[in-house]
């Protein structure tokens, strides 16, 4: 599975010491204000959702400091935040 949107999110988080709620808010704002790859919010959301649904990630994410369970938890909280911001424009 190609992680695309998730890799872009992780790139933005690579220097964050912890994946806090403040980081969830920052990335949620970024998804609306500076979309990744010029994708719509719906397509970014779908990419995150697909990554979470994958049992295993084929991508090598060893370049970033956060482990997979932490990333999955962050992505779950990010989707919850995006849901809370509905309806989207």
PDB file of N, CA and C in Angstrom:
ATOM      1  N   UNK A   1       0.838  -1.186   0.000  1.00  0.00           N
ATOM      2  CA  UNK A   1       0.000   0.000   0.000  1.00  0.00           C
ATOM      3  C   UNK A   1       0.877   1.242   0.000  1.00  0.00           C
ATOM      4  N   UNK A   2       0.512   2.186  -0.783  1.00  0.00           N
ATOM      5  CA  UNK A   2       1.243   3.449  -0.838  1.00  0.00           C
ATOM      6  C   UNK A   2       0.627   4.410   0.171  1.00  0.00           C
ATOM      7  N   UNK A   3       1.469   4.993   1.018  1.00  0.00           N
ATOM      8  CA  UNK A   3       0.972   5.854   2.087  1.00  0.00           C
ATOM      9  C   UNK A   3       0.792   7.313   1.687  1.00  0.00           C
ATOM     10  N   UNK A   4       1.425   7.776   0.619  1.00  0.00           N
ATOM     11  CA  UNK A   4       1.290   9.124   0.089  1.00  0.00           C
ATOM     12  C   UNK A   4       0.992  10.233   1.073  1.00  0.00           C
ATOM     13  N   UNK A   5      -0.275  10.442   1.358  1.00  0.00           N
ATOM     14  CA  UNK A   5      -0.707  11.532   2.247  1.00  0.00           C
ATOM     15  C   UNK A   5      -0.102  11.353   3.633  1.00  0.00           C
ATOM     16  N   UNK A   6      -0.040  10.131   4.119  1.00  0.00           N
ATOM     17  CA  UNK A   6       0.504   9.886   5.453  1.00  0.00           C
ATOM     18  C   UNK A   6       1.991  10.217   5.503  1.00  0.00           C
ATOM     19  N   UNK A   7       2.739   9.865   4.468  1.00  0.00           N
ATOM     20  CA  UNK A   7       4.163  10.198   4.431  1.00  0.00           C
ATOM     21  C   UNK A   7       4.344  11.714   4.455  1.00  0.00           C
ATOM     22  N   UNK A   8       3.495  12.440   3.734  1.00  0.00           N
ATOM     23  CA  UNK A   8       3.573  13.906   3.740  1.00  0.00           C
ATOM     24  C   UNK A   8       3.268  14.456   5.137  1.00  0.00           C
ATOM     25  N   UNK A   9       2.295  13.888   5.802  1.00  0.00           N
ATOM     26  CA  UNK A   9       1.972  14.310   7.170  1.00  0.00           C
ATOM     27  C   UNK A   9       3.153  14.024   8.100  1.00  0.00           C
ATOM     28  N   UNK A  10       3.724  12.835   7.972  1.00  0.00           N
ATOM     29  CA  UNK A  10       4.860  12.471   8.823  1.00  0.00           C
ATOM     30  C   UNK A  10       6.058  13.375   8.578  1.00  0.00           C
ATOM     31  N   UNK A  11       6.242  13.783   7.349  1.00  0.00           N
ATOM     32  CA  UNK A  11       7.323  14.714   7.038  1.00  0.00           C
ATOM     33  C   UNK A  11       7.134  16.004   7.845  1.00  0.00           C
ATOM     34  N   UNK A  12       5.892  16.443   7.970  1.00  0.00           N
ATOM     35  CA  UNK A  12       5.583  17.664   8.727  1.00  0.00           C
ATOM     36  C   UNK A  12       5.714  17.453  10.234  1.00  0.00           C
ATOM     37  N   UNK A  13       5.738  16.206  10.665  1.00  0.00           N
ATOM     38  CA  UNK A  13       5.813  15.884  12.091  1.00  0.00           C
ATOM     39  C   UNK A  13       7.179  15.366  12.536  1.00  0.00           C
ATOM     40  N   UNK A  14       8.105  15.227  11.614  1.00  0.00           N
ATOM     41  CA  UNK A  14       9.352  14.536  11.938  1.00  0.00           C
ATOM     42  C   UNK A  14      10.166  15.199  13.047  1.00  0.00           C
ATOM     43  N   UNK A  15       9.986  16.496  13.272  1.00  0.00           N
ATOM     44  CA  UNK A  15      10.729  17.173  14.327  1.00  0.00           C
ATOM     45  C   UNK A  15       9.878  17.434  15.574  1.00  0.00           C
ATOM     46  N   UNK A  16       8.663  16.899  15.578  1.00  0.00           N
ATOM     47  CA  UNK A  16       7.781  17.035  16.747  1.00  0.00           C
ATOM     48  C   UNK A  16       8.144  15.958  17.756  1.00  0.00           C
ATOM     49  N   UNK A  17       8.391  16.376  18.964  1.00  0.00           N
ATOM     50  CA  UNK A  17       8.777  15.399  19.991  1.00  0.00           C
ATOM     51  C   UNK A  17       7.639  14.461  20.354  1.00  0.00           C
ATOM     52  N   UNK A  18       6.429  15.006  20.417  1.00  0.00           N
ATOM     53  CA  UNK A  18       5.281  14.152  20.712  1.00  0.00           C
ATOM     54  C   UNK A  18       4.138  14.495  19.771  1.00  0.00           C
ATOM     55  N   UNK A  19       3.299  13.519  19.548  1.00  0.00           N
ATOM     56  CA  UNK A  19       2.171  13.691  18.634  1.00  0.00           C
ATOM     57  C   UNK A  19       0.951  14.126  19.452  1.00  0.00           C
ATOM     58  N   UNK A  20       1.009  15.342  19.908  1.00  0.00           N
ATOM     59  CA  UNK A  20       0.027  15.905  20.833  1.00  0.00           C
ATOM     60  C   UNK A  20      -1.242  16.364  20.113  1.00  0.00           C
ATOM     61  N   UNK A  21      -2.218  16.762  20.909  1.00  0.00           N
ATOM     62  CA  UNK A  21      -3.454  17.321  20.348  1.00  0.00           C
ATOM     63  C   UNK A  21      -3.169  18.632  19.616  1.00  0.00           C
ATOM     64  N   UNK A  22      -2.159  19.359  20.051  1.00  0.00           N
ATOM     65  CA  UNK A  22      -1.781  20.590  19.353  1.00  0.00           C
ATOM     66  C   UNK A  22      -1.272  20.267  17.945  1.00  0.00           C
ATOM     67  N   UNK A  23      -0.555  19.170  17.825  1.00  0.00           N
ATOM     68  CA  UNK A  23      -0.082  18.746  16.508  1.00  0.00           C
ATOM     69  C   UNK A  23      -1.254  18.277  15.637  1.00  0.00           C
ATOM     70  N   UNK A  24      -2.215  17.614  16.242  1.00  0.00           N
ATOM     71  CA  UNK A  24      -3.424  17.214  15.502  1.00  0.00           C
ATOM     72  C   UNK A  24      -4.088  18.462  14.937  1.00  0.00           C
ATOM     73  N   UNK A  25      -4.239  19.476  15.752  1.00  0.00           N
ATOM     74  CA  UNK A  25      -4.874  20.728  15.314  1.00  0.00           C
ATOM     75  C   UNK A  25      -4.056  21.398  14.212  1.00  0.00           C
ATOM     76  N   UNK A  26      -2.748  21.417  14.360  1.00  0.00           N
ATOM     77  CA  UNK A  26      -1.883  22.054  13.359  1.00  0.00           C
ATOM     78  C   UNK A  26      -2.010  21.353  12.001  1.00  0.00           C
ATOM     79  N   UNK A  27      -1.986  20.038  12.008  1.00  0.00           N
ATOM     80  CA  UNK A  27      -2.080  19.299  10.753  1.00  0.00           C
ATOM     81  C   UNK A  27      -3.486  19.414  10.169  1.00  0.00           C
ATOM     82  N   UNK A  28      -4.502  19.423  10.997  1.00  0.00           N
ATOM     83  CA  UNK A  28      -5.871  19.601  10.492  1.00  0.00           C
ATOM     84  C   UNK A  28      -6.001  20.954   9.793  1.00  0.00           C
ATOM     85  N   UNK A  29      -5.459  22.003  10.391  1.00  0.00           N
ATOM     86  CA  UNK A  29      -5.492  23.328   9.745  1.00  0.00           C
ATOM     87  C   UNK A  29      -4.734  23.310   8.429  1.00  0.00           C
ATOM     88  N   UNK A  30      -3.597  22.627   8.438  1.00  0.00           N
ATOM     89  CA  UNK A  30      -2.796  22.538   7.220  1.00  0.00           C
ATOM     90  C   UNK A  30      -3.581  21.843   6.093  1.00  0.00           C
ATOM     91  N   UNK A  31      -4.309  20.800   6.431  1.00  0.00           N
ATOM     92  CA  UNK A  31      -5.088  20.074   5.426  1.00  0.00           C
ATOM     93  C   UNK A  31      -6.089  21.003   4.744  1.00  0.00           C
ATOM     94  N   UNK A  32      -6.634  21.943   5.478  1.00  0.00           N
ATOM     95  CA  UNK A  32      -7.591  22.898   4.904  1.00  0.00           C
ATOM     96  C   UNK A  32      -6.892  24.068   4.209  1.00  0.00           C
ATOM     97  N   UNK A  33      -5.839  24.584   4.812  1.00  0.00           N
ATOM     98  CA  UNK A  33      -5.220  25.817   4.315  1.00  0.00           C
ATOM     99  C   UNK A  33      -4.138  25.588   3.268  1.00  0.00           C
ATOM    100  N   UNK A  34      -3.386  24.505   3.393  1.00  0.00           N
ATOM    101  CA  UNK A  34      -2.298  24.190   2.448  1.00  0.00           C
ATOM    102  C   UNK A  34      -2.376  22.710   2.114  1.00  0.00           C
ATOM    103  N   UNK A  35      -3.350  22.322   1.309  1.00  0.00           N
ATOM    104  CA  UNK A  35      -3.592  20.894   1.046  1.00  0.00           C
ATOM    105  C   UNK A  35      -2.353  20.165   0.527  1.00  0.00           C
ATOM    106  N   UNK A  36      -2.185  18.954   0.993  1.00  0.00           N
ATOM    107  CA  UNK A  36      -1.096  18.108   0.546  1.00  0.00           C
ATOM    108  C   UNK A  36      -1.330  17.719  -0.910  1.00  0.00           C
ATOM    109  N   UNK A  37      -0.330  17.892  -1.728  1.00  0.00           N
ATOM    110  CA  UNK A  37      -0.393  17.525  -3.145  1.00  0.00           C
ATOM    111  C   UNK A  37      -1.577  18.188  -3.867  1.00  0.00           C
ATOM    112  N   UNK A  38      -2.066  19.305  -3.348  1.00  0.00           N
ATOM    113  CA  UNK A  38      -3.229  19.998  -3.911  1.00  0.00           C
ATOM    114  C   UNK A  38      -4.476  19.118  -3.955  1.00  0.00           C
ATOM    115  N   UNK A  39      -4.563  18.172  -3.050  1.00  0.00           N
ATOM    116  CA  UNK A  39      -5.733  17.294  -2.979  1.00  0.00           C
ATOM    117  C   UNK A  39      -6.860  17.978  -2.213  1.00  0.00           C
ATOM    118  N   UNK A  40      -8.079  17.589  -2.504  1.00  0.00           N
ATOM    119  CA  UNK A  40      -9.217  18.084  -1.735  1.00  0.00           C
ATOM    120  C   UNK A  40      -9.149  17.511  -0.322  1.00  0.00           C
ATOM    121  N   UNK A  41      -9.894  18.112   0.577  1.00  0.00           N
ATOM    122  CA  UNK A  41      -9.952  17.600   1.942  1.00  0.00           C
ATOM    123  C   UNK A  41     -10.463  16.162   1.919  1.00  0.00           C
ATOM    124  N   UNK A  42     -11.455  15.896   1.078  1.00  0.00           N
ATOM    125  CA  UNK A  42     -12.024  14.548   0.987  1.00  0.00           C
ATOM    126  C   UNK A  42     -10.980  13.515   0.577  1.00  0.00           C
ATOM    127  N   UNK A  43     -10.128  13.865  -0.385  1.00  0.00           N
ATOM    128  CA  UNK A  43      -9.102  12.922  -0.854  1.00  0.00           C
ATOM    129  C   UNK A  43      -8.007  12.731   0.186  1.00  0.00           C
ATOM    130  N   UNK A  44      -7.651  13.797   0.899  1.00  0.00           N
ATOM    131  CA  UNK A  44      -6.664  13.665   1.968  1.00  0.00           C
ATOM    132  C   UNK A  44      -7.224  12.774   3.080  1.00  0.00           C
ATOM    133  N   UNK A  45      -8.483  13.011   3.431  1.00  0.00           N
ATOM    134  CA  UNK A  45      -9.165  12.213   4.455  1.00  0.00           C
ATOM    135  C   UNK A  45      -9.175  10.742   4.039  1.00  0.00           C
ATOM    136  N   UNK A  46      -9.528  10.476   2.781  1.00  0.00           N
ATOM    137  CA  UNK A  46      -9.589   9.101   2.273  1.00  0.00           C
ATOM    138  C   UNK A  46      -8.211   8.436   2.327  1.00  0.00           C
ATOM    139  N   UNK A  47      -7.156   9.185   2.047  1.00  0.00           N
ATOM    140  CA  UNK A  47      -5.807   8.632   2.119  1.00  0.00           C
ATOM    141  C   UNK A  47      -5.434   8.239   3.531  1.00  0.00           C
ATOM    142  N   UNK A  48      -5.785   9.073   4.484  1.00  0.00           N
ATOM    143  CA  UNK A  48      -5.511   8.772   5.896  1.00  0.00           C
ATOM    144  C   UNK A  48      -6.327   7.562   6.332  1.00  0.00           C
ATOM    145  N   UNK A  49      -7.594   7.550   5.941  1.00  0.00           N
ATOM    146  CA  UNK A  49      -8.496   6.452   6.290  1.00  0.00           C
ATOM    147  C   UNK A  49      -7.978   5.121   5.720  1.00  0.00           C
ATOM    148  N   UNK A  50      -7.515   5.147   4.477  1.00  0.00           N
ATOM    149  CA  UNK A  50      -6.989   3.932   3.846  1.00  0.00           C
ATOM    150  C   UNK A  50      -5.741   3.434   4.573  1.00  0.00           C
ATOM    151  N   UNK A  51      -4.886   4.349   4.975  1.00  0.00           N
ATOM    152  CA  UNK A  51      -3.676   3.956   5.700  1.00  0.00           C
ATOM    153  C   UNK A  51      -4.030   3.295   7.026  1.00  0.00           C
ATOM    154  N   UNK A  52      -5.028   3.838   7.708  1.00  0.00           N
ATOM    155  CA  UNK A  52      -5.438   3.251   8.983  1.00  0.00           C
ATOM    156  C   UNK A  52      -6.069   1.879   8.790  1.00  0.00           C
ATOM    157  N   UNK A  53      -6.735   1.663   7.672  1.00  0.00           N
ATOM    158  CA  UNK A  53      -7.391   0.385   7.412  1.00  0.00           C
ATOM    159  C   UNK A  53      -6.394  -0.715   7.052  1.00  0.00           C
ATOM    160  N   UNK A  54      -5.212  -0.337   6.606  1.00  0.00           N
ATOM    161  CA  UNK A  54      -4.207  -1.326   6.216  1.00  0.00           C
ATOM    162  C   UNK A  54      -3.682  -2.062   7.440  1.00  0.00           C
ATOM    163  N   UNK A  55      -3.630  -3.368   7.342  1.00  0.00           N
ATOM    164  CA  UNK A  55      -3.122  -4.182   8.444  1.00  0.00           C
ATOM    165  C   UNK A  55      -1.633  -3.935   8.645  1.00  0.00           C
ATOM    166  N   UNK A  56      -0.908  -3.847   7.548  1.00  0.00           N
ATOM    167  CA  UNK A  56       0.545  -3.614   7.616  1.00  0.00           C
ATOM    168  C   UNK A  56       0.929  -2.573   6.580  1.00  0.00           C
ATOM    169  N   UNK A  57       1.898  -1.769   6.918  1.00  0.00           N
ATOM    170  CA  UNK A  57       2.392  -0.751   5.994  1.00  0.00           C
ATOM    171  C   UNK A  57       3.647  -1.264   5.312  1.00  0.00           C
ATOM    172  N   UNK A  58       3.643  -1.266   4.000  1.00  0.00           N
ATOM    173  CA  UNK A  58       4.789  -1.750   3.235  1.00  0.00           C
ATOM    174  C   UNK A  58       5.906  -0.708   3.173  1.00  0.00           C
ATOM    175  N   UNK A  59       5.569   0.544   3.407  1.00  0.00           N
ATOM    176  CA  UNK A  59       6.556   1.626   3.324  1.00  0.00           C
ATOM    177  C   UNK A  59       7.538   1.563   4.494  1.00  0.00           C
ATOM    178  N   UNK A  60       8.774   1.943   4.234  1.00  0.00           N
ATOM    179  CA  UNK A  60       9.781   2.042   5.285  1.00  0.00           C
ATOM    180  C   UNK A  60       9.656   3.416   5.933  1.00  0.00           C
ATOM    181  N   UNK A  61       9.208   3.429   7.170  1.00  0.00           N
ATOM    182  CA  UNK A  61       9.026   4.693   7.892  1.00  0.00           C
ATOM    183  C   UNK A  61      10.098   4.881   8.968  1.00  0.00           C
ATOM    184  N   UNK A  62      11.184   4.153   8.851  1.00  0.00           N
ATOM    185  CA  UNK A  62      12.225   4.214   9.876  1.00  0.00           C
ATOM    186  C   UNK A  62      12.943   5.562   9.930  1.00  0.00           C
ATOM    187  N   UNK A  63      12.760   6.396   8.920  1.00  0.00           N
ATOM    188  CA  UNK A  63      13.422   7.703   8.882  1.00  0.00           C
ATOM    189  C   UNK A  63      12.825   8.683   9.879  1.00  0.00           C
ATOM    190  N   UNK A  64      11.649   8.399  10.394  1.00  0.00           N
ATOM    191  CA  UNK A  64      11.025   9.335  11.313  1.00  0.00           C
ATOM    192  C   UNK A  64      10.979   8.742  12.714  1.00  0.00           C
ATOM    193  N   UNK A  65      10.881   9.595  13.740  1.00  0.00           N
ATOM    194  CA  UNK A  65      11.094   9.138  15.115  1.00  0.00           C
ATOM    195  C   UNK A  65       9.913   8.458  15.808  1.00  0.00           C
ATOM    196  N   UNK A  66       8.743   8.452  15.210  1.00  0.00           N
ATOM    197  CA  UNK A  66       7.563   7.928  15.900  1.00  0.00           C
ATOM    198  C   UNK A  66       7.274   6.500  15.469  1.00  0.00           C
ATOM    199  N   UNK A  67       6.878   5.656  16.420  1.00  0.00           N
ATOM    200  CA  UNK A  67       6.590   4.264  16.082  1.00  0.00           C
ATOM    201  C   UNK A  67       5.190   4.141  15.468  1.00  0.00           C
ATOM    202  N   UNK A  68       4.945   3.001  14.844  1.00  0.00           N
ATOM    203  CA  UNK A  68       3.688   2.811  14.125  1.00  0.00           C
ATOM    204  C   UNK A  68       2.450   2.946  15.014  1.00  0.00           C
ATOM    205  N   UNK A  69       2.420   2.373  16.224  1.00  0.00           N
ATOM    206  CA  UNK A  69       1.232   2.567  17.066  1.00  0.00           C
ATOM    207  C   UNK A  69       0.956   4.048  17.368  1.00  0.00           C
ATOM    208  N   UNK A  70       2.009   4.817  17.593  1.00  0.00           N
ATOM    209  CA  UNK A  70       1.840   6.252  17.858  1.00  0.00           C
ATOM    210  C   UNK A  70       1.303   6.976  16.627  1.00  0.00           C
ATOM    211  N   UNK A  71       1.813   6.598  15.474  1.00  0.00           N
ATOM    212  CA  UNK A  71       1.345   7.217  14.226  1.00  0.00           C
ATOM    213  C   UNK A  71      -0.108   6.867  13.989  1.00  0.00           C
ATOM    214  N   UNK A  72      -0.465   5.603  14.164  1.00  0.00           N
ATOM    215  CA  UNK A  72      -1.860   5.190  13.959  1.00  0.00           C
ATOM    216  C   UNK A  72      -2.799   5.933  14.908  1.00  0.00           C
ATOM    217  N   UNK A  73      -2.382   6.085  16.166  1.00  0.00           N
ATOM    218  CA  UNK A  73      -3.199   6.831  17.124  1.00  0.00           C
ATOM    219  C   UNK A  73      -3.342   8.286  16.687  1.00  0.00           C
ATOM    220  N   UNK A  74      -2.248   8.886  16.244  1.00  0.00           N
ATOM    221  CA  UNK A  74      -2.294  10.268  15.765  1.00  0.00           C
ATOM    222  C   UNK A  74      -3.253  10.402  14.583  1.00  0.00           C
ATOM    223  N   UNK A  75      -3.155   9.506  13.628  1.00  0.00           N
ATOM    224  CA  UNK A  75      -4.020   9.567  12.445  1.00  0.00           C
ATOM    225  C   UNK A  75      -5.490   9.380  12.819  1.00  0.00           C
ATOM    226  N   UNK A  76      -5.758   8.498  13.769  1.00  0.00           N
ATOM    227  CA  UNK A  76      -7.136   8.305  14.240  1.00  0.00           C
ATOM    228  C   UNK A  76      -7.676   9.599  14.847  1.00  0.00           C
ATOM    229  N   UNK A  77      -6.849  10.250  15.678  1.00  0.00           N
ATOM    230  CA  UNK A  77      -7.273  11.516  16.294  1.00  0.00           C
ATOM    231  C   UNK A  77      -7.420  12.618  15.248  1.00  0.00           C
ATOM    232  N   UNK A  78      -6.570  12.588  14.223  1.00  0.00           N
ATOM    233  CA  UNK A  78      -6.674  13.569  13.143  1.00  0.00           C
ATOM    234  C   UNK A  78      -7.991  13.394  12.395  1.00  0.00           C
ATOM    235  N   UNK A  79      -8.371  12.163  12.083  1.00  0.00           N
ATOM    236  CA  UNK A  79      -9.657  11.930  11.416  1.00  0.00           C
ATOM    237  C   UNK A  79     -10.821  12.392  12.295  1.00  0.00           C
ATOM    238  N   UNK A  80     -10.734  12.138  13.589  1.00  0.00           N
ATOM    239  CA  UNK A  80     -11.780  12.607  14.512  1.00  0.00           C
ATOM    240  C   UNK A  80     -11.886  14.128  14.475  1.00  0.00           C
ATOM    241  N   UNK A  81     -10.747  14.804  14.437  1.00  0.00           N
ATOM    242  CA  UNK A  81     -10.758  16.276  14.389  1.00  0.00           C
ATOM    243  C   UNK A  81     -11.337  16.768  13.074  1.00  0.00           C
ATOM    244  N   UNK A  82     -10.953  16.133  11.969  1.00  0.00           N
ATOM    245  CA  UNK A  82     -11.514  16.531  10.675  1.00  0.00           C
ATOM    246  C   UNK A  82     -13.022  16.290  10.639  1.00  0.00           C
ATOM    247  N   UNK A  83     -13.470  15.188  11.231  1.00  0.00           N
ATOM    248  CA  UNK A  83     -14.920  14.929  11.315  1.00  0.00           C
ATOM    249  C   UNK A  83     -15.615  16.028  12.110  1.00  0.00           C
ATOM    250  N   UNK A  84     -14.979  16.471  13.187  1.00  0.00           N
ATOM    251  CA  UNK A  84     -15.567  17.522  14.025  1.00  0.00           C
ATOM    252  C   UNK A  84     -15.683  18.864  13.278  1.00  0.00           C
ATOM    253  N   UNK A  85     -14.873  19.037  12.263  1.00  0.00           N
ATOM    254  CA  UNK A  85     -14.887  20.282  11.495  1.00  0.00           C
ATOM    255  C   UNK A  85     -15.863  20.263  10.316  1.00  0.00           C
ATOM    256  N   UNK A  86     -16.592  19.180  10.163  1.00  0.00           N
ATOM    257  CA  UNK A  86     -17.596  19.103   9.087  1.00  0.00           C
ATOM    258  C   UNK A  86     -18.727  20.063   9.367  1.00  0.00           C
ATOM    259  N   UNK A  87     -19.414  20.556   8.393  1.00  0.00           N
ATOM    260  CA  UNK A  87     -19.257  20.287   6.965  1.00  0.00           C
ATOM    261  C   UNK A  87     -18.067  21.072   6.409  1.00  0.00           C
ATOM    262  N   UNK A  88     -17.389  20.452   5.439  1.00  0.00           N
ATOM    263  CA  UNK A  88     -16.249  21.088   4.792  1.00  0.00           C
ATOM    264  C   UNK A  88     -16.711  21.931   3.631  1.00  0.00           C
ATOM    265  N   UNK A  89     -15.942  22.938   3.321  1.00  0.00           N
ATOM    266  CA  UNK A  89     -16.299  23.788   2.173  1.00  0.00           C
ATOM    267  C   UNK A  89     -15.926  23.112   0.884  1.00  0.00           C
TER     268      UNK A  89
END
